[in-house]
Amino acid sequence: GTVTLFKGLDEMQQLAFSQVFSVSDYLLFAVIKLAALVV
């Protein structure tokens, strides 16, 4: 999703403010962002 795009500063605020993400969502965001960084 778009939360894993761009440099990440604004997007990490969305993670902290949101109340809807689950453990699997946060794990997905972390893995996808790290993979995107490496690529």
PDB file of all heavy atoms in Angstrom:
ATOM      1  N   GLY A   1       0.822  -1.213   0.000  1.00  0.00           N
ATOM      2  CA  GLY A   1       0.000   0.000   0.000  1.00  0.00           C
ATOM      3  C   GLY A   1       0.851   1.256   0.000  1.00  0.00           C
ATOM      4  O   GLY A   1       2.076   1.205   0.182  1.00  0.00           O
ATOM      5  N   THR A   2       0.198   2.398  -0.177  1.00  0.00           N
ATOM      6  CA  THR A   2       0.932   3.659  -0.294  1.00  0.00           C
ATOM      7  C   THR A   2       1.674   4.045   0.979  1.00  0.00           C
ATOM      8  O   THR A   2       2.598   4.851   0.924  1.00  0.00           O
ATOM      9  CB  THR A   2      -0.025   4.803  -0.678  1.00  0.00           C
ATOM     10  OG1 THR A   2      -1.130   4.817   0.241  1.00  0.00           O
ATOM     11  CG2 THR A   2      -0.553   4.636  -2.086  1.00  0.00           C
ATOM     12  N   VAL A   3       1.298   3.475   2.124  1.00  0.00           N
ATOM     13  CA  VAL A   3       1.994   3.808   3.367  1.00  0.00           C
ATOM     14  C   VAL A   3       3.449   3.330   3.332  1.00  0.00           C
ATOM     15  O   VAL A   3       4.296   3.844   4.075  1.00  0.00           O
ATOM     16  CB  VAL A   3       1.240   3.214   4.580  1.00  0.00           C
ATOM     17  CG1 VAL A   3       1.462   1.708   4.682  1.00  0.00           C
ATOM     18  CG2 VAL A   3       1.654   3.902   5.881  1.00  0.00           C
ATOM     19  N   THR A   4       3.757   2.364   2.451  1.00  0.00           N
ATOM     20  CA  THR A   4       5.134   1.851   2.365  1.00  0.00           C
ATOM     21  C   THR A   4       5.945   2.553   1.275  1.00  0.00           C
ATOM     22  O   THR A   4       7.091   2.160   1.020  1.00  0.00           O
ATOM     23  CB  THR A   4       5.125   0.336   2.074  1.00  0.00           C
ATOM     24  OG1 THR A   4       4.448   0.091   0.828  1.00  0.00           O
ATOM     25  CG2 THR A   4       4.425  -0.422   3.184  1.00  0.00           C
ATOM     26  N   LEU A   5       5.366   3.597   0.646  1.00  0.00           N
ATOM     27  CA  LEU A   5       6.093   4.336  -0.384  1.00  0.00           C
ATOM     28  C   LEU A   5       6.791   5.541   0.215  1.00  0.00           C
ATOM     29  O   LEU A   5       6.631   5.864   1.390  1.00  0.00           O
ATOM     30  CB  LEU A   5       5.124   4.791  -1.481  1.00  0.00           C
ATOM     31  CG  LEU A   5       4.296   3.716  -2.185  1.00  0.00           C
ATOM     32  CD1 LEU A   5       3.402   4.361  -3.241  1.00  0.00           C
ATOM     33  CD2 LEU A   5       5.193   2.662  -2.819  1.00  0.00           C
ATOM     34  N   PHE A   6       7.582   6.207  -0.602  1.00  0.00           N
ATOM     35  CA  PHE A   6       8.250   7.470  -0.263  1.00  0.00           C
ATOM     36  C   PHE A   6       9.314   7.274   0.825  1.00  0.00           C
ATOM     37  O   PHE A   6       9.646   6.153   1.173  1.00  0.00           O
ATOM     38  CB  PHE A   6       7.233   8.548   0.125  1.00  0.00           C
ATOM     39  CG  PHE A   6       6.164   8.744  -0.909  1.00  0.00           C
ATOM     40  CD1 PHE A   6       4.887   8.215  -0.732  1.00  0.00           C
ATOM     41  CD2 PHE A   6       6.441   9.411  -2.086  1.00  0.00           C
ATOM     42  CE1 PHE A   6       3.908   8.370  -1.703  1.00  0.00           C
ATOM     43  CE2 PHE A   6       5.461   9.578  -3.072  1.00  0.00           C
ATOM     44  CZ  PHE A   6       4.192   9.055  -2.867  1.00  0.00           C
ATOM     45  N   LYS A   7       9.838   8.389   1.339  1.00  0.00           N
ATOM     46  CA  LYS A   7      10.982   8.307   2.251  1.00  0.00           C
ATOM     47  C   LYS A   7      10.614   7.761   3.624  1.00  0.00           C
ATOM     48  O   LYS A   7      11.462   7.256   4.345  1.00  0.00           O
ATOM     49  CB  LYS A   7      11.660   9.671   2.373  1.00  0.00           C
ATOM     50  CG  LYS A   7      10.804  10.772   2.964  1.00  0.00           C
ATOM     51  CD  LYS A   7      11.556  12.101   2.969  1.00  0.00           C
ATOM     52  CE  LYS A   7      10.724  13.217   3.591  1.00  0.00           C
ATOM     53  NZ  LYS A   7       9.545  13.551   2.758  1.00  0.00           N
ATOM     54  N   GLY A   8       9.350   7.913   4.041  1.00  0.00           N
ATOM     55  CA  GLY A   8       8.901   7.238   5.258  1.00  0.00           C
ATOM     56  C   GLY A   8       8.588   8.111   6.453  1.00  0.00           C
ATOM     57  O   GLY A   8       7.965   7.635   7.399  1.00  0.00           O
ATOM     58  N   LEU A   9       8.992   9.379   6.459  1.00  0.00           N
ATOM     59  CA  LEU A   9       8.774  10.219   7.646  1.00  0.00           C
ATOM     60  C   LEU A   9       7.292  10.505   7.870  1.00  0.00           C
ATOM     61  O   LEU A   9       6.775  10.334   8.982  1.00  0.00           O
ATOM     62  CB  LEU A   9       9.550  11.533   7.532  1.00  0.00           C
ATOM     63  CG  LEU A   9      11.060  11.460   7.695  1.00  0.00           C
ATOM     64  CD1 LEU A   9      11.643  12.855   7.832  1.00  0.00           C
ATOM     65  CD2 LEU A   9      11.459  10.621   8.897  1.00  0.00           C
ATOM     66  N   ASP A  10       6.600  10.978   6.837  1.00  0.00           N
ATOM     67  CA  ASP A  10       5.168  11.251   6.980  1.00  0.00           C
ATOM     68  C   ASP A  10       4.391   9.957   7.185  1.00  0.00           C
ATOM     69  O   ASP A  10       3.420   9.921   7.952  1.00  0.00           O
ATOM     70  CB  ASP A  10       4.636  11.973   5.736  1.00  0.00           C
ATOM     71  CG  ASP A  10       5.271  13.346   5.561  1.00  0.00           C
ATOM     72  OD1 ASP A  10       5.631  13.960   6.581  1.00  0.00           O
ATOM     73  OD2 ASP A  10       5.418  13.798   4.405  1.00  0.00           O
ATOM     74  N   GLU A  11       4.832   8.915   6.524  1.00  0.00           N
ATOM     75  CA  GLU A  11       4.111   7.646   6.575  1.00  0.00           C
ATOM     76  C   GLU A  11       4.214   6.997   7.955  1.00  0.00           C
ATOM     77  O   GLU A  11       3.270   6.340   8.404  1.00  0.00           O
ATOM     78  CB  GLU A  11       4.645   6.699   5.500  1.00  0.00           C
ATOM     79  CG  GLU A  11       4.302   7.112   4.073  1.00  0.00           C
ATOM     80  CD  GLU A  11       5.079   8.327   3.572  1.00  0.00           C
ATOM     81  OE1 GLU A  11       6.201   8.569   4.089  1.00  0.00           O
ATOM     82  OE2 GLU A  11       4.577   9.034   2.688  1.00  0.00           O
ATOM     83  N   MET A  12       5.348   7.185   8.654  1.00  0.00           N
ATOM     84  CA  MET A  12       5.451   6.566   9.977  1.00  0.00           C
ATOM     85  C   MET A  12       4.517   7.257  10.980  1.00  0.00           C
ATOM     86  O   MET A  12       4.089   6.644  11.961  1.00  0.00           O
ATOM     87  CB  MET A  12       6.904   6.586  10.470  1.00  0.00           C
ATOM     88  CG  MET A  12       7.426   7.905  10.957  1.00  0.00           C
ATOM     89  SD  MET A  12       9.163   7.774  11.423  1.00  0.00           S
ATOM     90  CE  MET A  12       9.434   9.383  12.208  1.00  0.00           C
ATOM     91  N   GLN A  13       4.179   8.527  10.722  1.00  0.00           N
ATOM     92  CA  GLN A  13       3.178   9.190  11.557  1.00  0.00           C
ATOM     93  C   GLN A  13       1.821   8.504  11.398  1.00  0.00           C
ATOM     94  O   GLN A  13       1.068   8.358  12.366  1.00  0.00           O
ATOM     95  CB  GLN A  13       3.065  10.673  11.173  1.00  0.00           C
ATOM     96  CG  GLN A  13       4.347  11.476  11.299  1.00  0.00           C
ATOM     97  CD  GLN A  13       4.756  11.710  12.737  1.00  0.00           C
ATOM     98  OE1 GLN A  13       3.927  11.668  13.641  1.00  0.00           O
ATOM     99  NE2 GLN A  13       6.034  11.960  12.957  1.00  0.00           N
ATOM    100  N   GLN A  14       1.509   8.077  10.175  1.00  0.00           N
ATOM    101  CA  GLN A  14       0.248   7.357   9.946  1.00  0.00           C
ATOM    102  C   GLN A  14       0.208   6.061  10.751  1.00  0.00           C
ATOM    103  O   GLN A  14      -0.841   5.692  11.293  1.00  0.00           O
ATOM    104  CB  GLN A  14       0.088   7.043   8.460  1.00  0.00           C
ATOM    105  CG  GLN A  14      -0.004   8.265   7.551  1.00  0.00           C
ATOM    106  CD  GLN A  14      -0.091   7.864   6.082  1.00  0.00           C
ATOM    107  OE1 GLN A  14      -0.694   6.849   5.743  1.00  0.00           O
ATOM    108  NE2 GLN A  14       0.528   8.649   5.217  1.00  0.00           N
ATOM    109  N   LEU A  15       1.347   5.365  10.821  1.00  0.00           N
ATOM    110  CA  LEU A  15       1.387   4.114  11.590  1.00  0.00           C
ATOM    111  C   LEU A  15       1.094   4.370  13.060  1.00  0.00           C
ATOM    112  O   LEU A  15       0.349   3.615  13.699  1.00  0.00           O
ATOM    113  CB  LEU A  15       2.762   3.454  11.457  1.00  0.00           C
ATOM    114  CG  LEU A  15       3.230   2.987  10.085  1.00  0.00           C
ATOM    115  CD1 LEU A  15       4.530   2.209  10.225  1.00  0.00           C
ATOM    116  CD2 LEU A  15       2.182   2.131   9.408  1.00  0.00           C
ATOM    117  N   ALA A  16       1.696   5.431  13.603  1.00  0.00           N
ATOM    118  CA  ALA A  16       1.549   5.708  15.036  1.00  0.00           C
ATOM    119  C   ALA A  16       0.140   6.183  15.383  1.00  0.00           C
ATOM    120  O   ALA A  16      -0.382   5.861  16.457  1.00  0.00           O
ATOM    121  CB  ALA A  16       2.581   6.745  15.471  1.00  0.00           C
ATOM    122  N   PHE A  17      -0.487   6.956  14.480  1.00  0.00           N
ATOM    123  CA  PHE A  17      -1.808   7.512  14.766  1.00  0.00           C
ATOM    124  C   PHE A  17      -2.938   6.514  14.521  1.00  0.00           C
ATOM    125  O   PHE A  17      -3.998   6.616  15.133  1.00  0.00           O
ATOM    126  CB  PHE A  17      -2.048   8.771  13.927  1.00  0.00           C
ATOM    127  CG  PHE A  17      -1.356   9.988  14.456  1.00  0.00           C
ATOM    128  CD1 PHE A  17      -0.467  10.700  13.662  1.00  0.00           C
ATOM    129  CD2 PHE A  17      -1.576  10.432  15.750  1.00  0.00           C
ATOM    130  CE1 PHE A  17       0.192  11.820  14.143  1.00  0.00           C
ATOM    131  CE2 PHE A  17      -0.926  11.551  16.242  1.00  0.00           C
ATOM    132  CZ  PHE A  17      -0.038  12.251  15.444  1.00  0.00           C
ATOM    133  N   SER A  18      -2.702   5.577  13.617  1.00  0.00           N
ATOM    134  CA  SER A  18      -3.781   4.660  13.245  1.00  0.00           C
ATOM    135  C   SER A  18      -4.086   3.684  14.383  1.00  0.00           C
ATOM    136  O   SER A  18      -3.197   3.233  15.106  1.00  0.00           O
ATOM    137  CB  SER A  18      -3.400   3.881  11.990  1.00  0.00           C
ATOM    138  OG  SER A  18      -4.400   2.940  11.693  1.00  0.00           O
ATOM    139  N   GLN A  19      -5.352   3.358  14.517  1.00  0.00           N
ATOM    140  CA  GLN A  19      -5.788   2.393  15.524  1.00  0.00           C
ATOM    141  C   GLN A  19      -6.306   1.100  14.878  1.00  0.00           C
ATOM    142  O   GLN A  19      -6.874   0.253  15.569  1.00  0.00           O
ATOM    143  CB  GLN A  19      -6.908   3.013  16.375  1.00  0.00           C
ATOM    144  CG  GLN A  19      -6.539   4.317  17.063  1.00  0.00           C
ATOM    145  CD  GLN A  19      -5.471   4.132  18.129  1.00  0.00           C
ATOM    146  OE1 GLN A  19      -5.488   3.146  18.853  1.00  0.00           O
ATOM    147  NE2 GLN A  19      -4.522   5.066  18.201  1.00  0.00           N
ATOM    148  N   VAL A  20      -6.137   0.969  13.585  1.00  0.00           N
ATOM    149  CA  VAL A  20      -6.776  -0.152  12.873  1.00  0.00           C
ATOM    150  C   VAL A  20      -5.796  -1.238  12.455  1.00  0.00           C
ATOM    151  O   VAL A  20      -6.224  -2.324  12.052  1.00  0.00           O
ATOM    152  CB  VAL A  20      -7.541   0.359  11.625  1.00  0.00           C
ATOM    153  CG1 VAL A  20      -8.624   1.330  12.024  1.00  0.00           C
ATOM    154  CG2 VAL A  20      -6.588   0.999  10.619  1.00  0.00           C
ATOM    155  N   PHE A  21      -4.482  -0.988  12.542  1.00  0.00           N
ATOM    156  CA  PHE A  21      -3.519  -1.965  12.053  1.00  0.00           C
ATOM    157  C   PHE A  21      -3.303  -3.079  13.076  1.00  0.00           C
ATOM    158  O   PHE A  21      -3.249  -2.831  14.289  1.00  0.00           O
ATOM    159  CB  PHE A  21      -2.187  -1.298  11.715  1.00  0.00           C
ATOM    160  CG  PHE A  21      -2.271  -0.311  10.585  1.00  0.00           C
ATOM    161  CD1 PHE A  21      -1.699   0.952  10.692  1.00  0.00           C
ATOM    162  CD2 PHE A  21      -2.926  -0.635   9.408  1.00  0.00           C
ATOM    163  CE1 PHE A  21      -1.779   1.865   9.655  1.00  0.00           C
ATOM    164  CE2 PHE A  21      -3.011   0.266   8.356  1.00  0.00           C
ATOM    165  CZ  PHE A  21      -2.440   1.516   8.489  1.00  0.00           C
ATOM    166  N   SER A  22      -3.116  -4.281  12.579  1.00  0.00           N
ATOM    167  CA  SER A  22      -2.884  -5.449  13.432  1.00  0.00           C
ATOM    168  C   SER A  22      -1.405  -5.822  13.422  1.00  0.00           C
ATOM    169  O   SER A  22      -0.588  -5.192  12.733  1.00  0.00           O
ATOM    170  CB  SER A  22      -3.714  -6.626  12.923  1.00  0.00           C
ATOM    171  OG  SER A  22      -3.284  -6.992  11.613  1.00  0.00           O
ATOM    172  N   VAL A  23      -1.067  -6.874  14.160  1.00  0.00           N
ATOM    173  CA  VAL A  23       0.315  -7.363  14.186  1.00  0.00           C
ATOM    174  C   VAL A  23       0.778  -7.728  12.773  1.00  0.00           C
ATOM    175  O   VAL A  23       1.890  -7.365  12.358  1.00  0.00           O
ATOM    176  CB  VAL A  23       0.420  -8.591  15.121  1.00  0.00           C
ATOM    177  CG1 VAL A  23       1.788  -9.255  14.979  1.00  0.00           C
ATOM    178  CG2 VAL A  23       0.184  -8.189  16.562  1.00  0.00           C
ATOM    179  N   SER A  24      -0.073  -8.433  12.033  1.00  0.00           N
ATOM    180  CA  SER A  24       0.312  -8.851  10.677  1.00  0.00           C
ATOM    181  C   SER A  24       0.473  -7.656   9.741  1.00  0.00           C
ATOM    182  O   SER A  24       1.345  -7.667   8.860  1.00  0.00           O
ATOM    183  CB  SER A  24      -0.725  -9.829  10.111  1.00  0.00           C
ATOM    184  OG  SER A  24      -2.015  -9.250  10.110  1.00  0.00           O
ATOM    185  N   ASP A  25      -0.348  -6.607   9.935  1.00  0.00           N
ATOM    186  CA  ASP A  25      -0.202  -5.395   9.112  1.00  0.00           C
ATOM    187  C   ASP A  25       1.150  -4.739   9.350  1.00  0.00           C
ATOM    188  O   ASP A  25       1.860  -4.392   8.400  1.00  0.00           O
ATOM    189  CB  ASP A  25      -1.321  -4.394   9.439  1.00  0.00           C
ATOM    190  CG  ASP A  25      -2.688  -4.866   8.977  1.00  0.00           C
ATOM    191  OD1 ASP A  25      -2.752  -5.580   7.964  1.00  0.00           O
ATOM    192  OD2 ASP A  25      -3.682  -4.527   9.642  1.00  0.00           O
ATOM    193  N   TYR A  26       1.505  -4.538  10.620  1.00  0.00           N
ATOM    194  CA  TYR A  26       2.786  -3.898  10.944  1.00  0.00           C
ATOM    195  C   TYR A  26       3.965  -4.731  10.432  1.00  0.00           C
ATOM    196  O   TYR A  26       4.945  -4.187   9.926  1.00  0.00           O
ATOM    197  CB  TYR A  26       2.916  -3.701  12.458  1.00  0.00           C
ATOM    198  CG  TYR A  26       2.045  -2.608  13.022  1.00  0.00           C
ATOM    199  CD1 TYR A  26       1.183  -2.864  14.088  1.00  0.00           C
ATOM    200  CD2 TYR A  26       2.092  -1.313  12.508  1.00  0.00           C
ATOM    201  CE1 TYR A  26       0.390  -1.864  14.627  1.00  0.00           C
ATOM    202  CE2 TYR A  26       1.295  -0.304  13.040  1.00  0.00           C
ATOM    203  CZ  TYR A  26       0.446  -0.577  14.095  1.00  0.00           C
ATOM    204  OH  TYR A  26      -0.342   0.413  14.615  1.00  0.00           O
ATOM    205  N   LEU A  27       3.843  -6.054  10.557  1.00  0.00           N
ATOM    206  CA  LEU A  27       4.911  -6.925  10.058  1.00  0.00           C
ATOM    207  C   LEU A  27       5.044  -6.790   8.546  1.00  0.00           C
ATOM    208  O   LEU A  27       6.160  -6.701   8.010  1.00  0.00           O
ATOM    209  CB  LEU A  27       4.622  -8.377  10.444  1.00  0.00           C
ATOM    210  CG  LEU A  27       5.642  -9.418   9.958  1.00  0.00           C
ATOM    211  CD1 LEU A  27       7.027  -9.126  10.518  1.00  0.00           C
ATOM    212  CD2 LEU A  27       5.192 -10.821  10.345  1.00  0.00           C
ATOM    213  N   LEU A  28       3.896  -6.759   7.853  1.00  0.00           N
ATOM    214  CA  LEU A  28       3.916  -6.591   6.399  1.00  0.00           C
ATOM    215  C   LEU A  28       4.574  -5.272   6.015  1.00  0.00           C
ATOM    216  O   LEU A  28       5.436  -5.235   5.115  1.00  0.00           O
ATOM    217  CB  LEU A  28       2.484  -6.637   5.854  1.00  0.00           C
ATOM    218  CG  LEU A  28       2.331  -6.386   4.349  1.00  0.00           C
ATOM    219  CD1 LEU A  28       2.915  -7.543   3.550  1.00  0.00           C
ATOM    220  CD2 LEU A  28       0.869  -6.156   3.979  1.00  0.00           C
ATOM    221  N   PHE A  29       4.211  -4.190   6.696  1.00  0.00           N
ATOM    222  CA  PHE A  29       4.790  -2.873   6.393  1.00  0.00           C
ATOM    223  C   PHE A  29       6.310  -2.888   6.587  1.00  0.00           C
ATOM    224  O   PHE A  29       7.051  -2.350   5.758  1.00  0.00           O
ATOM    225  CB  PHE A  29       4.169  -1.793   7.276  1.00  0.00           C
ATOM    226  CG  PHE A  29       2.690  -1.588   7.064  1.00  0.00           C
ATOM    227  CD1 PHE A  29       1.883  -1.118   8.101  1.00  0.00           C
ATOM    228  CD2 PHE A  29       2.101  -1.857   5.844  1.00  0.00           C
ATOM    229  CE1 PHE A  29       0.524  -0.933   7.915  1.00  0.00           C
ATOM    230  CE2 PHE A  29       0.738  -1.662   5.647  1.00  0.00           C
ATOM    231  CZ  PHE A  29      -0.049  -1.207   6.686  1.00  0.00           C
ATOM    232  N   ALA A  30       6.764  -3.490   7.687  1.00  0.00           N
ATOM    233  CA  ALA A  30       8.199  -3.520   7.980  1.00  0.00           C
ATOM    234  C   ALA A  30       8.961  -4.310   6.915  1.00  0.00           C
ATOM    235  O   ALA A  30      10.000  -3.854   6.409  1.00  0.00           O
ATOM    236  CB  ALA A  30       8.445  -4.122   9.364  1.00  0.00           C
ATOM    237  N   VAL A  31       8.450  -5.486   6.554  1.00  0.00           N
ATOM    238  CA  VAL A  31       9.142  -6.345   5.591  1.00  0.00           C
ATOM    239  C   VAL A  31       9.126  -5.715   4.198  1.00  0.00           C
ATOM    240  O   VAL A  31      10.153  -5.690   3.497  1.00  0.00           O
ATOM    241  CB  VAL A  31       8.503  -7.746   5.574  1.00  0.00           C
ATOM    242  CG1 VAL A  31       9.064  -8.585   4.426  1.00  0.00           C
ATOM    243  CG2 VAL A  31       8.733  -8.448   6.910  1.00  0.00           C
ATOM    244  N   ILE A  32       7.967  -5.178   3.789  1.00  0.00           N
ATOM    245  CA  ILE A  32       7.863  -4.564   2.459  1.00  0.00           C
ATOM    246  C   ILE A  32       8.765  -3.336   2.362  1.00  0.00           C
ATOM    247  O   ILE A  32       9.471  -3.136   1.361  1.00  0.00           O
ATOM    248  CB  ILE A  32       6.399  -4.177   2.160  1.00  0.00           C
ATOM    249  CG1 ILE A  32       5.533  -5.415   1.953  1.00  0.00           C
ATOM    250  CG2 ILE A  32       6.315  -3.264   0.935  1.00  0.00           C
ATOM    251  CD1 ILE A  32       5.847  -6.207   0.710  1.00  0.00           C
ATOM    252  N   LYS A  33       8.762  -2.499   3.390  1.00  0.00           N
ATOM    253  CA  LYS A  33       9.586  -1.284   3.358  1.00  0.00           C
ATOM    254  C   LYS A  33      11.068  -1.632   3.304  1.00  0.00           C
ATOM    255  O   LYS A  33      11.839  -1.010   2.565  1.00  0.00           O
ATOM    256  CB  LYS A  33       9.289  -0.410   4.581  1.00  0.00           C
ATOM    257  CG  LYS A  33       9.931   0.970   4.533  1.00  0.00           C
ATOM    258  CD  LYS A  33       9.295   1.838   3.474  1.00  0.00           C
ATOM    259  CE  LYS A  33       9.787   3.264   3.505  1.00  0.00           C
ATOM    260  NZ  LYS A  33       9.118   4.101   2.495  1.00  0.00           N
ATOM    261  N   LEU A  34      11.480  -2.620   4.086  1.00  0.00           N
ATOM    262  CA  LEU A  34      12.893  -3.013   4.080  1.00  0.00           C
ATOM    263  C   LEU A  34      13.270  -3.611   2.728  1.00  0.00           C
ATOM    264  O   LEU A  34      14.350  -3.327   2.192  1.00  0.00           O
ATOM    265  CB  LEU A  34      13.162  -4.017   5.202  1.00  0.00           C
ATOM    266  CG  LEU A  34      14.633  -4.322   5.479  1.00  0.00           C
ATOM    267  CD1 LEU A  34      15.387  -3.061   5.912  1.00  0.00           C
ATOM    268  CD2 LEU A  34      14.772  -5.404   6.543  1.00  0.00           C
ATOM    269  N   ALA A  35      12.375  -4.425   2.155  1.00  0.00           N
ATOM    270  CA  ALA A  35      12.644  -4.986   0.825  1.00  0.00           C
ATOM    271  C   ALA A  35      12.727  -3.879  -0.223  1.00  0.00           C
ATOM    272  O   ALA A  35      13.612  -3.892  -1.088  1.00  0.00           O
ATOM    273  CB  ALA A  35      11.545  -5.986   0.456  1.00  0.00           C
ATOM    274  N   ALA A  36      11.813  -2.897  -0.128  1.00  0.00           N
ATOM    275  CA  ALA A  36      11.832  -1.778  -1.078  1.00  0.00           C
ATOM    276  C   ALA A  36      13.106  -0.952  -0.933  1.00  0.00           C
ATOM    277  O   ALA A  36      13.682  -0.490  -1.933  1.00  0.00           O
ATOM    278  CB  ALA A  36      10.604  -0.898  -0.864  1.00  0.00           C
ATOM    279  N   LEU A  37      13.565  -0.772   0.299  1.00  0.00           N
ATOM    280  CA  LEU A  37      14.819  -0.055   0.543  1.00  0.00           C
ATOM    281  C   LEU A  37      15.990  -0.783  -0.111  1.00  0.00           C
ATOM    282  O   LEU A  37      16.825  -0.160  -0.780  1.00  0.00           O
ATOM    283  CB  LEU A  37      15.031   0.071   2.056  1.00  0.00           C
ATOM    284  CG  LEU A  37      16.425   0.441   2.573  1.00  0.00           C
ATOM    285  CD1 LEU A  37      16.871   1.780   2.031  1.00  0.00           C
ATOM    286  CD2 LEU A  37      16.448   0.439   4.095  1.00  0.00           C
ATOM    287  N   VAL A  38      16.058  -2.090   0.059  1.00  0.00           N
ATOM    288  CA  VAL A  38      17.146  -2.878  -0.522  1.00  0.00           C
ATOM    289  C   VAL A  38      17.098  -2.823  -2.050  1.00  0.00           C
ATOM    290  O   VAL A  38      18.123  -2.625  -2.714  1.00  0.00           O
ATOM    291  CB  VAL A  38      17.079  -4.339  -0.027  1.00  0.00           C
ATOM    292  CG1 VAL A  38      18.065  -5.218  -0.798  1.00  0.00           C
ATOM    293  CG2 VAL A  38      17.377  -4.409   1.460  1.00  0.00           C
ATOM    294  N   VAL A  39      15.903  -2.975  -2.626  1.00  0.00           N
ATOM    295  CA  VAL A  39      15.762  -2.937  -4.090  1.00  0.00           C
ATOM    296  C   VAL A  39      16.162  -1.570  -4.640  1.00  0.00           C
ATOM    297  O   VAL A  39      16.910  -1.475  -5.622  1.00  0.00           O
ATOM    298  CB  VAL A  39      14.312  -3.283  -4.495  1.00  0.00           C
ATOM    299  CG1 VAL A  39      14.094  -3.018  -5.988  1.00  0.00           C
ATOM    300  CG2 VAL A  39      13.998  -4.739  -4.167  1.00  0.00           C
TER     301      VAL A  39
END
